[in-house]
Amino acid sequence: MPDFGIGSWPRRRARINPDAVALRQATRTSTYADLAFQVDVLARAMAARGVGRGDRIAYLGGNDIAAFTVFFASGRLGAVFVPLNTRLTGNEIAELIADAQPAALFHGLEHQRIVDEIAPRIATIVSIDELTRRGGPWFCDEAPEACVDRTGSEHDVPDIAGPVGLDDDAVILYTSGTTGAPKGAVLSHGNLTFNTMNQLAHVDVLGTDIALCVSPLFHATGLGLVALPTLFKGGTVVVAPKFDPDTILATIPDLRITSFAAVPTMLQMLCDHPDFGRSDTRSLRYVIYGGSAVAERVAVAWQRRGVAVLHGYGMTEAAPGVSLAVVDGSVERPVSAGLPHFFTDITIAGGAGGGASGDPGELLVRGLNVSRRYWRQPVETPPESGDGWFRSGDVVRIAPDGWLHVVDRIKDMIISGGENIYPGEVEACVNAIPGVSECALIGVPDERWGEVGCVYVVSDGTAPLTEQGLRRALRGRLAPYKIPRYVRFVDQIAKNATGKVSKKLLREAAVDT
């Protein structure tokens, strides 16, 4: 009989079994059996309180094992999980609560003051501490029926909702709202399922993986890019309550982390940390990032540590994956957004051959992972362009090799003297200048040209930077009309709650000065 190397399989075998660790957080662990049991307990307890199919269940707190329990229990009930942005003000959170109208709210103790203010609007409110405290009314190590009894409800346990289908609502994720009030993108179970399939087609997720969930769960990245694909394969998800570079760099070698997903700001903060060069990152196979292109120097720094850096393009409405770099080719294209996902179609508005000419244009998306509506808005409200194409609002170009390159947001494009200036192109050149940590370009009014560029620059302290020197470095790399008219050096660049640069705030600051 041929030797197929079967003796080596146990080291890489899939770990889809009840005793494998599904979730880990500090000293707490939850096996797949534990998770399934607690999900059933929580779903039955909520059903006993009248929460059912279609009801919204809000979560206001940091990343926690409890958040995953609430998420899966919501799905078990046929209810809708609504993670709320913890970085918003009390008034902003109250507005989201008024929009979502949840039947239940689970929250961290740090948000107690806000919860007290909105309590009259919600029938069931549970603190995460109460949910996880052994002996508390929502914790149970007995049969699910006994747990429901301890909550003070009736002895007859109501039936949990019947089968939940792919078209049923699963999650409402509120968009970041950089240009206006946040909108709740409704993601179905099918959207989440096919996003997971897309990830598995692009990335070799293993049952032995130990993935770090550091992106907040109120952002599509937190669930969609690493956590759900890893749990689907039977791996372990290590839950990080918040992003802290010191903790993350220590956790990677301590727990042998194999992957994580982040926004560019996180990758840069880790890369610029004084311990980055001597940190043990040998267990890391890949990191996925999205939101915008990271500075090429940051991507290269991770690559030199032997870590595949996979840039993806996504949006909340796509759960979130649209395209993703693959390991083969990512080294040569460190800031490309990769190739379209398997179950996702893309084209470029007005582009010949779907953008094959390489000319930039607006990206259009459709697929089984794409949301069809926003919460409490008419069906089919996401902007479409015929045949179900979702208008992304982003300008991209597709290289001859098929790899996607994000140029900029349509709304961020600057028109100066009739010429289009894409801030992303200019920012990439500025970021490549020695001494620049990060930058952001906006358009400001100009009597002669209509608009001209104003670039905000943060120094990393490694090289002197001056306005004249920066412009001099850009000559020959950019057409003269693309070189920023104004240069402003700042200590930090305004960002929104998900870590993306807020061009809206920068424009407001420019008007005020």
Protein backbone atom coordinates (compact mmCIF):
# COMPACT_ATOMS: atom_id res chain seq x y z
CA MET A 1 0.00 0.00 0.00
CA PRO A 2 1.44 3.41 -0.94
CA ASP A 3 2.67 5.64 1.89
CA PHE A 4 0.54 8.78 1.79
CA GLY A 5 2.12 10.26 4.91
CA ILE A 6 -0.90 9.42 7.05
CA GLY A 7 1.29 9.33 10.11
CA SER A 8 1.73 13.10 9.87
CA TRP A 9 -1.99 13.88 9.77
CA PRO A 10 -2.72 14.21 13.51
CA ARG A 11 -0.71 17.43 13.71
CA ARG A 12 -2.97 19.13 11.14
CA ARG A 13 -6.22 17.23 11.46
CA ALA A 14 -9.47 19.14 11.68
CA ARG A 15 -10.58 19.68 15.24
CA ILE A 16 -14.34 19.82 14.73
CA ASN A 17 -15.20 18.02 17.91
CA PRO A 18 -17.11 18.99 21.08
CA ASP A 19 -14.03 19.13 23.30
CA ALA A 20 -11.98 21.47 21.11
CA VAL A 21 -11.63 25.03 22.43
CA ALA A 22 -13.84 27.36 20.43
CA LEU A 23 -13.28 30.61 22.32
CA ARG A 24 -10.56 31.79 24.66
CA GLN A 25 -10.38 35.04 26.61
CA ALA A 26 -7.67 35.53 29.23
CA THR A 27 -8.18 32.61 31.66
CA ARG A 28 -11.66 31.76 30.36
CA THR A 29 -12.22 29.10 27.73
CA SER A 30 -15.30 27.71 26.06
CA THR A 31 -15.27 24.43 24.17
CA TYR A 32 -17.64 23.84 21.28
CA ALA A 33 -19.80 21.77 23.63
CA ASP A 34 -19.79 24.59 26.21
CA LEU A 35 -20.68 27.14 23.57
CA ALA A 36 -23.52 25.08 22.14
CA PHE A 37 -24.94 24.49 25.61
CA GLN A 38 -24.74 28.13 26.71
CA VAL A 39 -26.26 29.29 23.41
CA ASP A 40 -29.20 26.95 23.92
CA VAL A 41 -29.59 28.06 27.55
CA LEU A 42 -29.56 31.75 26.62
CA ALA A 43 -31.90 31.29 23.66
CA ARG A 44 -34.44 29.46 25.86
CA ALA A 45 -34.13 32.06 28.62
CA MET A 46 -34.78 34.90 26.15
CA ALA A 47 -37.67 32.98 24.60
CA ALA A 48 -39.17 32.68 28.08
CA ARG A 49 -39.11 36.49 28.25
CA GLY A 50 -40.96 36.82 24.98
CA VAL A 51 -38.02 37.46 22.67
CA GLY A 52 -38.55 35.71 19.36
CA ARG A 53 -38.11 35.61 15.62
CA GLY A 54 -37.33 38.96 14.06
CA ASP A 55 -36.75 40.75 17.37
CA ARG A 56 -33.56 42.74 17.67
CA ILE A 57 -31.06 41.86 20.41
CA ALA A 58 -28.55 44.66 21.00
CA TYR A 59 -25.05 44.24 22.38
CA LEU A 60 -23.10 47.18 23.85
CA GLY A 61 -19.69 46.13 25.08
CA GLY A 62 -16.16 45.17 24.15
CA ASN A 63 -15.21 41.94 22.44
CA ASP A 64 -16.10 39.12 24.82
CA ILE A 65 -16.97 35.44 24.79
CA ALA A 66 -20.40 36.60 25.91
CA ALA A 67 -20.79 38.56 22.68
CA PHE A 68 -20.42 35.35 20.66
CA THR A 69 -22.91 33.60 22.94
CA VAL A 70 -25.43 36.39 22.39
CA PHE A 71 -24.76 36.37 18.64
CA PHE A 72 -25.35 32.63 18.24
CA ALA A 73 -28.31 32.64 20.66
CA SER A 74 -29.91 35.39 18.56
CA GLY A 75 -29.55 33.21 15.48
CA ARG A 76 -30.91 30.22 17.39
CA LEU A 77 -34.06 32.24 18.11
CA GLY A 78 -34.39 33.65 14.62
CA ALA A 79 -33.75 37.05 16.22
CA VAL A 80 -31.35 39.71 14.90
CA PHE A 81 -28.02 40.54 16.57
CA VAL A 82 -27.26 44.29 16.73
CA PRO A 83 -23.76 45.11 18.02
CA LEU A 84 -23.47 48.79 18.91
CA ASN A 85 -20.42 50.97 18.47
CA THR A 86 -18.91 51.46 21.93
CA ARG A 87 -16.98 54.52 20.76
CA LEU A 88 -20.08 56.59 20.11
CA THR A 89 -21.45 59.17 22.51
CA GLY A 90 -24.44 58.47 24.71
CA ASN A 91 -26.70 60.51 22.42
CA GLU A 92 -25.49 58.66 19.33
CA ILE A 93 -26.06 55.28 20.97
CA ALA A 94 -29.53 56.40 22.04
CA GLU A 95 -30.28 57.25 18.40
CA LEU A 96 -29.25 53.76 17.28
CA ILE A 97 -31.39 52.21 20.02
CA ALA A 98 -34.34 54.29 18.85
CA ASP A 99 -33.76 53.07 15.30
CA ALA A 100 -33.21 49.38 16.10
CA GLN A 101 -35.88 49.19 18.83
CA PRO A 102 -34.32 46.10 20.46
CA ALA A 103 -36.34 43.73 22.61
CA ALA A 104 -33.25 42.97 24.71
CA LEU A 105 -29.92 44.63 25.43
CA PHE A 106 -26.74 43.00 26.75
CA HIS A 107 -24.11 45.45 27.95
CA GLY A 108 -20.77 45.87 29.65
CA LEU A 109 -20.72 47.49 33.09
CA GLU A 110 -18.66 50.36 31.72
CA HIS A 111 -21.75 51.47 29.79
CA GLN A 112 -24.12 51.38 32.75
CA ARG A 113 -24.75 55.14 32.74
CA ILE A 114 -25.85 55.13 29.11
CA VAL A 115 -27.95 52.02 29.69
CA ASP A 116 -29.73 53.66 32.62
CA GLU A 117 -30.75 56.52 30.32
CA ILE A 118 -32.20 54.27 27.60
CA ALA A 119 -33.58 51.57 29.92
CA PRO A 120 -37.25 52.66 29.61
CA ARG A 121 -37.18 51.78 25.90
CA ILE A 122 -36.06 48.14 26.32
CA ALA A 123 -37.95 45.29 27.97
CA THR A 124 -34.97 43.08 28.89
CA ILE A 125 -31.57 44.41 29.95
CA VAL A 126 -28.74 42.13 31.07
CA SER A 127 -25.17 43.03 32.03
CA ILE A 128 -22.37 40.85 30.66
CA ASP A 129 -21.25 40.34 34.25
CA GLU A 130 -24.68 38.95 35.11
CA LEU A 131 -24.61 36.75 32.02
CA THR A 132 -21.25 35.17 32.81
CA ARG A 133 -21.29 35.12 36.64
CA ARG A 134 -21.53 31.55 37.87
CA GLY A 135 -24.66 31.17 39.93
CA GLY A 136 -26.28 34.23 38.39
CA PRO A 137 -29.77 33.99 36.92
CA TRP A 138 -28.48 33.86 33.34
CA PHE A 139 -25.68 31.36 33.95
CA CYS A 140 -26.44 27.67 34.09
CA ASP A 141 -24.44 24.48 34.43
CA GLU A 142 -27.58 22.40 34.70
CA ALA A 143 -30.18 21.48 32.08
CA PRO A 144 -31.47 24.42 29.99
CA GLU A 145 -34.96 23.96 31.45
CA ALA A 146 -33.61 24.36 34.99
CA CYS A 147 -31.84 27.55 34.00
CA VAL A 148 -35.04 29.03 32.63
CA ASP A 149 -36.78 28.08 35.87
CA ARG A 150 -34.16 29.98 37.87
CA THR A 151 -34.87 33.15 35.93
CA GLY A 152 -38.30 33.26 37.51
CA SER A 153 -40.23 32.43 34.37
CA GLU A 154 -42.88 29.79 33.93
CA HIS A 155 -41.95 26.10 34.12
CA ASP A 156 -43.22 25.44 30.61
CA VAL A 157 -40.33 26.32 28.34
CA PRO A 158 -41.61 27.84 25.09
CA ASP A 159 -40.47 26.29 21.85
CA ILE A 160 -37.54 28.05 20.28
CA ALA A 161 -38.16 29.30 16.75
CA GLY A 162 -38.22 26.69 14.02
CA PRO A 163 -35.57 26.36 11.31
CA VAL A 164 -33.83 29.59 10.34
CA GLY A 165 -33.27 30.02 6.61
CA LEU A 166 -30.59 31.71 4.55
CA ASP A 167 -32.92 34.60 3.72
CA ASP A 168 -33.72 35.34 7.38
CA ASP A 169 -32.15 38.43 8.96
CA ALA A 170 -29.11 37.67 11.15
CA VAL A 171 -27.31 40.91 11.94
CA ILE A 172 -27.78 44.66 11.67
CA LEU A 173 -24.47 46.48 11.37
CA TYR A 174 -24.56 50.25 11.41
CA THR A 175 -22.25 51.86 8.89
CA SER A 176 -19.66 54.27 10.20
CA GLY A 177 -21.60 57.33 9.08
CA THR A 178 -18.64 59.42 7.91
CA THR A 179 -20.92 61.48 5.70
CA GLY A 180 -24.18 61.42 7.65
CA ALA A 181 -26.35 59.46 10.06
CA PRO A 182 -25.40 55.76 10.30
CA LYS A 183 -27.55 53.30 8.36
CA GLY A 184 -28.22 49.77 9.52
CA ALA A 185 -27.14 47.27 6.89
CA VAL A 186 -29.25 44.13 7.31
CA LEU A 187 -27.19 40.99 6.75
CA SER A 188 -28.99 37.69 6.31
CA HIS A 189 -27.76 34.27 7.40
CA GLY A 190 -27.05 33.67 3.72
CA ASN A 191 -24.91 36.80 3.51
CA LEU A 192 -22.81 35.61 6.47
CA THR A 193 -22.63 32.05 5.16
CA PHE A 194 -21.41 32.96 1.69
CA ASN A 195 -18.97 35.53 3.07
CA THR A 196 -17.52 32.68 5.13
CA MET A 197 -17.33 30.48 2.04
CA ASN A 198 -15.59 33.31 0.20
CA GLN A 199 -12.98 33.58 2.93
CA LEU A 200 -12.35 29.83 2.95
CA ALA A 201 -11.90 29.83 -0.83
CA HIS A 202 -9.24 32.55 -0.56
CA VAL A 203 -7.45 31.60 2.65
CA ASP A 204 -6.33 28.17 3.86
CA VAL A 205 -8.10 28.28 7.24
CA LEU A 206 -7.28 25.19 9.30
CA GLY A 207 -9.01 23.41 12.13
CA THR A 208 -5.78 23.82 14.09
CA ASP A 209 -5.75 27.61 13.65
CA ILE A 210 -5.73 29.95 16.65
CA ALA A 211 -7.11 33.23 15.36
CA LEU A 212 -7.08 36.50 17.25
CA CYS A 213 -10.32 38.52 17.18
CA VAL A 214 -9.09 42.04 17.85
CA SER A 215 -11.32 44.05 15.48
CA PRO A 216 -14.51 45.16 17.25
CA LEU A 217 -17.59 43.03 16.66
CA PHE A 218 -19.66 46.09 15.78
CA HIS A 219 -17.55 46.22 12.63
CA ALA A 220 -18.04 43.67 9.85
CA THR A 221 -14.34 42.79 10.03
CA GLY A 222 -14.67 41.42 13.56
CA LEU A 223 -17.08 38.66 12.63
CA GLY A 224 -16.60 38.14 8.92
CA LEU A 225 -12.89 38.00 8.15
CA VAL A 226 -11.46 35.67 10.79
CA ALA A 227 -13.88 34.71 13.59
CA LEU A 228 -16.67 32.97 11.67
CA PRO A 229 -14.39 31.20 9.14
CA THR A 230 -12.20 29.91 12.01
CA LEU A 231 -15.18 28.67 14.03
CA PHE A 232 -16.63 27.08 10.90
CA LYS A 233 -13.45 25.00 10.55
CA GLY A 234 -13.34 24.07 14.25
CA GLY A 235 -10.39 26.27 15.18
CA THR A 236 -9.96 28.50 18.20
CA VAL A 237 -10.80 32.20 18.36
CA VAL A 238 -8.91 34.20 20.98
CA VAL A 239 -11.05 37.16 21.99
CA ALA A 240 -9.24 40.46 22.62
CA PRO A 241 -11.52 42.91 24.49
CA LYS A 242 -9.74 45.89 22.92
CA PHE A 243 -6.78 46.73 20.73
CA ASP A 244 -3.61 47.32 22.75
CA PRO A 245 -0.27 46.94 20.91
CA ASP A 246 1.62 45.76 24.02
CA THR A 247 -0.94 43.06 24.74
CA ILE A 248 -1.26 41.95 21.12
CA LEU A 249 2.50 41.58 20.60
CA ALA A 250 2.72 39.54 23.81
CA THR A 251 -0.32 37.41 22.97
CA ILE A 252 0.90 36.32 19.52
CA PRO A 253 3.79 34.17 20.82
CA ASP A 254 2.14 33.23 24.13
CA LEU A 255 -0.90 31.62 22.48
CA ARG A 256 0.72 30.82 19.11
CA ILE A 257 -1.67 33.05 17.19
CA THR A 258 -1.88 32.05 13.52
CA SER A 259 -3.95 34.93 12.08
CA PHE A 260 -5.88 38.10 12.79
CA ALA A 261 -7.74 40.83 10.92
CA ALA A 262 -7.18 44.53 11.42
CA VAL A 263 -7.53 47.99 9.96
CA PRO A 264 -4.37 49.68 8.61
CA THR A 265 -4.00 51.86 11.71
CA MET A 266 -3.63 48.74 13.87
CA LEU A 267 -0.97 47.20 11.61
CA GLN A 268 0.95 50.46 11.60
CA MET A 269 0.78 50.88 15.39
CA LEU A 270 2.09 47.33 15.84
CA CYS A 271 4.79 47.86 13.22
CA ASP A 272 5.93 51.12 14.86
CA HIS A 273 5.94 49.63 18.37
CA PRO A 274 9.47 49.49 19.85
CA ASP A 275 9.07 45.77 20.56
CA PHE A 276 7.96 44.83 17.02
CA GLY A 277 11.44 43.96 15.76
CA ARG A 278 12.16 41.56 18.60
CA SER A 279 8.67 40.08 18.97
CA ASP A 280 8.19 36.43 18.11
CA THR A 281 5.74 36.32 15.21
CA ARG A 282 6.75 32.91 13.84
CA SER A 283 3.32 31.39 14.54
CA LEU A 284 1.55 33.99 12.36
CA ARG A 285 0.71 32.68 8.91
CA TYR A 286 -1.23 35.70 7.68
CA VAL A 287 -2.93 38.94 8.62
CA ILE A 288 -5.90 40.37 6.75
CA TYR A 289 -6.51 44.08 6.62
CA GLY A 290 -9.02 46.37 4.96
CA GLY A 291 -10.64 49.78 5.13
CA SER A 292 -7.88 51.41 3.09
CA ALA A 293 -4.43 50.55 1.82
CA VAL A 294 -1.73 50.44 4.47
CA ALA A 295 1.51 52.31 3.84
CA GLU A 296 3.73 50.05 1.74
CA ARG A 297 6.56 50.28 4.28
CA VAL A 298 4.23 48.76 6.90
CA ALA A 299 3.20 45.87 4.64
CA VAL A 300 6.82 45.19 3.76
CA ALA A 301 7.84 45.23 7.44
CA TRP A 302 5.31 42.48 8.20
CA GLN A 303 6.38 40.51 5.12
CA ARG A 304 9.99 40.60 6.28
CA ARG A 305 8.82 38.85 9.45
CA GLY A 306 7.53 36.02 7.27
CA VAL A 307 3.87 37.02 7.63
CA ALA A 308 1.61 37.08 4.56
CA VAL A 309 -0.14 40.46 4.43
CA LEU A 310 -3.48 40.11 2.67
CA HIS A 311 -5.24 43.33 1.74
CA GLY A 312 -8.95 43.01 1.10
CA TYR A 313 -11.62 45.32 -0.19
CA GLY A 314 -14.92 45.11 1.61
CA MET A 315 -17.93 46.99 2.88
CA THR A 316 -20.43 46.51 5.65
CA GLU A 317 -23.11 45.73 3.07
CA ALA A 318 -21.05 42.79 1.71
CA ALA A 319 -20.57 41.08 5.08
CA PRO A 320 -17.83 42.39 4.32
CA GLY A 321 -15.67 40.66 1.67
CA VAL A 322 -15.60 41.71 -1.99
CA SER A 323 -11.99 40.94 -2.88
CA LEU A 324 -8.91 39.68 -1.09
CA ALA A 325 -5.26 39.16 -1.88
CA VAL A 326 -4.06 35.56 -2.04
CA VAL A 327 -0.75 34.42 -0.63
CA ASP A 328 0.68 33.72 -4.09
CA GLY A 329 1.28 37.19 -5.46
CA SER A 330 0.75 39.21 -2.28
CA VAL A 331 4.47 39.82 -1.76
CA GLU A 332 4.77 41.52 -5.14
CA ARG A 333 1.53 43.48 -4.62
CA PRO A 334 1.53 44.45 -0.91
CA VAL A 335 -1.18 47.12 -1.18
CA SER A 336 -3.39 45.61 -3.88
CA ALA A 337 -6.88 44.62 -2.74
CA GLY A 338 -6.48 41.26 -4.46
CA LEU A 339 -8.88 39.23 -6.53
CA PRO A 340 -12.70 39.05 -6.45
CA HIS A 341 -14.19 36.53 -4.07
CA PHE A 342 -15.57 33.27 -5.44
CA PHE A 343 -19.27 34.02 -4.86
CA THR A 344 -18.96 37.74 -5.66
CA ASP A 345 -19.14 39.48 -9.03
CA ILE A 346 -17.57 42.87 -9.70
CA THR A 347 -17.50 45.27 -12.61
CA ILE A 348 -16.60 48.90 -13.20
CA ALA A 349 -19.27 51.40 -14.13
CA GLY A 350 -18.71 52.42 -17.73
CA GLY A 351 -15.55 50.35 -17.97
CA ALA A 352 -15.03 48.38 -21.16
CA GLY A 353 -14.82 44.69 -20.54
CA GLY A 354 -15.67 45.08 -16.88
CA GLY A 355 -12.75 47.42 -16.34
CA ALA A 356 -10.21 45.22 -18.13
CA SER A 357 -8.80 48.32 -19.83
CA GLY A 358 -7.25 49.39 -16.54
CA ASP A 359 -9.11 52.69 -16.51
CA PRO A 360 -10.44 53.71 -13.08
CA GLY A 361 -14.16 53.78 -12.45
CA GLU A 362 -16.76 53.13 -9.80
CA LEU A 363 -16.79 49.56 -8.49
CA LEU A 364 -20.10 47.72 -8.77
CA VAL A 365 -20.70 44.58 -6.72
CA ARG A 366 -23.26 41.80 -6.56
CA GLY A 367 -23.31 38.40 -4.93
CA LEU A 368 -24.85 36.13 -2.34
CA ASN A 369 -22.96 37.94 0.41
CA VAL A 370 -24.37 41.37 -0.45
CA SER A 371 -27.14 42.92 1.65
CA ARG A 372 -30.38 43.81 -0.09
CA ARG A 373 -31.64 46.47 2.28
CA TYR A 374 -31.06 48.86 5.15
CA TRP A 375 -33.02 48.60 8.39
CA ARG A 376 -36.35 50.47 8.45
CA GLN A 377 -35.86 51.65 4.89
CA PRO A 378 -37.69 50.43 1.79
CA VAL A 379 -36.63 47.13 0.29
CA GLU A 380 -33.82 47.38 -2.27
CA THR A 381 -32.65 50.70 -0.79
CA PRO A 382 -28.90 50.07 -1.23
CA PRO A 383 -27.97 52.12 -4.33
CA GLU A 384 -28.13 49.93 -7.40
CA SER A 385 -27.26 50.28 -11.05
CA GLY A 386 -29.43 47.76 -12.86
CA ASP A 387 -29.34 43.97 -12.68
CA GLY A 388 -28.82 44.08 -8.90
CA TRP A 389 -25.39 45.74 -9.00
CA PHE A 390 -24.55 47.54 -5.75
CA ARG A 391 -22.85 50.90 -6.26
CA SER A 392 -19.87 50.98 -3.92
CA GLY A 393 -19.05 54.66 -4.25
CA ASP A 394 -15.38 53.68 -4.59
CA VAL A 395 -13.13 54.29 -7.58
CA VAL A 396 -10.97 51.29 -8.51
CA ARG A 397 -8.92 50.03 -11.38
CA ILE A 398 -8.31 46.43 -12.38
CA ALA A 399 -4.77 45.67 -13.51
CA PRO A 400 -4.15 43.42 -16.52
CA ASP A 401 -3.34 40.57 -14.12
CA GLY A 402 -6.84 40.88 -12.64
CA TRP A 403 -5.74 42.30 -9.29
CA LEU A 404 -7.87 45.08 -7.86
CA HIS A 405 -6.45 48.46 -6.85
CA VAL A 406 -8.59 50.91 -4.86
CA VAL A 407 -8.07 54.46 -6.09
CA ASP A 408 -10.39 56.45 -3.85
CA ARG A 409 -13.89 57.30 -2.72
CA ILE A 410 -15.91 59.12 -5.36
CA LYS A 411 -16.97 61.68 -2.77
CA ASP A 412 -13.31 62.30 -1.82
CA MET A 413 -12.19 62.98 -5.38
CA ILE A 414 -10.87 66.52 -5.87
CA ILE A 415 -11.60 68.41 -9.11
CA SER A 416 -8.94 71.07 -9.59
CA GLY A 417 -9.07 73.16 -12.75
CA GLY A 418 -11.13 70.44 -14.43
CA GLU A 419 -8.62 67.71 -13.55
CA ASN A 420 -9.50 64.79 -11.27
CA ILE A 421 -7.22 64.24 -8.27
CA TYR A 422 -7.63 60.99 -6.37
CA PRO A 423 -6.38 61.49 -2.79
CA GLY A 424 -5.39 57.83 -2.48
CA GLU A 425 -2.81 58.21 -5.25
CA VAL A 426 -1.31 61.33 -3.67
CA GLU A 427 -1.36 59.84 -0.17
CA ALA A 428 0.56 56.77 -1.34
CA CYS A 429 3.34 59.03 -2.65
CA VAL A 430 3.43 61.16 0.50
CA ASN A 431 3.50 58.06 2.72
CA ALA A 432 6.58 56.84 0.84
CA ILE A 433 8.58 59.92 1.88
CA PRO A 434 11.06 59.15 4.71
CA GLY A 435 9.84 60.58 8.01
CA VAL A 436 6.11 60.38 7.17
CA SER A 437 4.07 58.20 9.52
CA GLU A 438 0.68 58.79 7.91
CA CYS A 439 -1.15 61.42 5.90
CA ALA A 440 -4.55 62.39 4.51
CA LEU A 441 -5.44 64.63 1.57
CA ILE A 442 -8.61 66.70 1.24
CA GLY A 443 -9.82 69.34 -1.20
CA VAL A 444 -10.22 72.93 -0.05
CA PRO A 445 -11.89 75.80 -1.97
CA ASP A 446 -9.74 77.90 -4.29
CA GLU A 447 -10.91 80.95 -6.23
CA ARG A 448 -8.87 80.16 -9.31
CA TRP A 449 -8.93 76.35 -9.53
CA GLY A 450 -12.17 75.56 -7.71
CA GLU A 451 -10.38 73.11 -5.40
CA VAL A 452 -6.79 72.43 -4.46
CA GLY A 453 -5.22 69.77 -2.28
CA CYS A 454 -4.46 70.17 1.41
CA VAL A 455 -2.47 67.33 2.98
CA TYR A 456 -2.31 66.60 6.71
CA VAL A 457 0.95 64.90 7.65
CA VAL A 458 2.05 63.10 10.81
CA SER A 459 5.81 62.72 11.30
CA ASP A 460 7.36 59.54 12.68
CA GLY A 461 10.38 61.50 13.94
CA THR A 462 12.95 59.57 11.91
CA ALA A 463 13.68 62.32 9.37
CA PRO A 464 13.15 66.09 9.21
CA LEU A 465 10.06 67.19 7.32
CA THR A 466 9.32 70.60 5.86
CA GLU A 467 6.61 71.86 3.55
CA GLN A 468 9.14 72.71 0.82
CA GLY A 469 10.97 69.42 1.21
CA LEU A 470 7.77 67.42 0.95
CA ARG A 471 6.73 69.16 -2.26
CA ARG A 472 10.23 68.69 -3.65
CA ALA A 473 10.02 64.95 -2.96
CA LEU A 474 6.75 64.74 -4.90
CA ARG A 475 8.02 66.48 -8.04
CA GLY A 476 8.52 63.96 -10.79
CA ARG A 477 6.30 61.43 -9.02
CA LEU A 478 3.07 63.40 -9.42
CA ALA A 479 1.76 65.80 -12.02
CA PRO A 480 2.11 69.40 -10.80
CA TYR A 481 -1.63 69.84 -10.34
CA LYS A 482 -1.69 66.82 -8.00
CA ILE A 483 0.96 68.17 -5.62
CA PRO A 484 -0.85 69.60 -2.55
CA ARG A 485 -1.08 73.37 -2.38
CA TYR A 486 -1.19 73.27 1.40
CA VAL A 487 0.76 71.10 3.85
CA ARG A 488 -0.24 70.90 7.51
CA PHE A 489 1.81 68.99 10.05
CA VAL A 490 -0.28 67.55 12.87
CA ASP A 491 0.23 65.22 15.82
CA GLN A 492 -2.62 62.95 14.75
CA ILE A 493 -5.20 62.66 12.00
CA ALA A 494 -8.89 62.61 12.84
CA LYS A 495 -10.46 59.16 12.58
CA ASN A 496 -13.94 57.80 12.99
CA ALA A 497 -15.04 55.11 15.44
CA THR A 498 -13.81 52.25 13.24
CA GLY A 499 -10.29 53.65 12.87
CA LYS A 500 -10.70 55.05 9.36
CA VAL A 501 -9.51 58.54 8.52
CA SER A 502 -12.47 60.93 8.68
CA LYS A 503 -12.21 63.23 5.68
CA LYS A 504 -15.41 64.90 6.92
CA LEU A 505 -13.73 66.03 10.15
CA LEU A 506 -10.63 67.14 8.26
CA ARG A 507 -12.74 69.28 5.93
CA GLU A 508 -14.50 70.85 8.91
CA ALA A 509 -11.14 71.57 10.52
CA ALA A 510 -9.86 73.15 7.30
CA VAL A 511 -12.88 75.49 7.17
CA ASP A 512 -12.35 76.57 10.77
CA THR A 513 -8.69 77.50 10.25
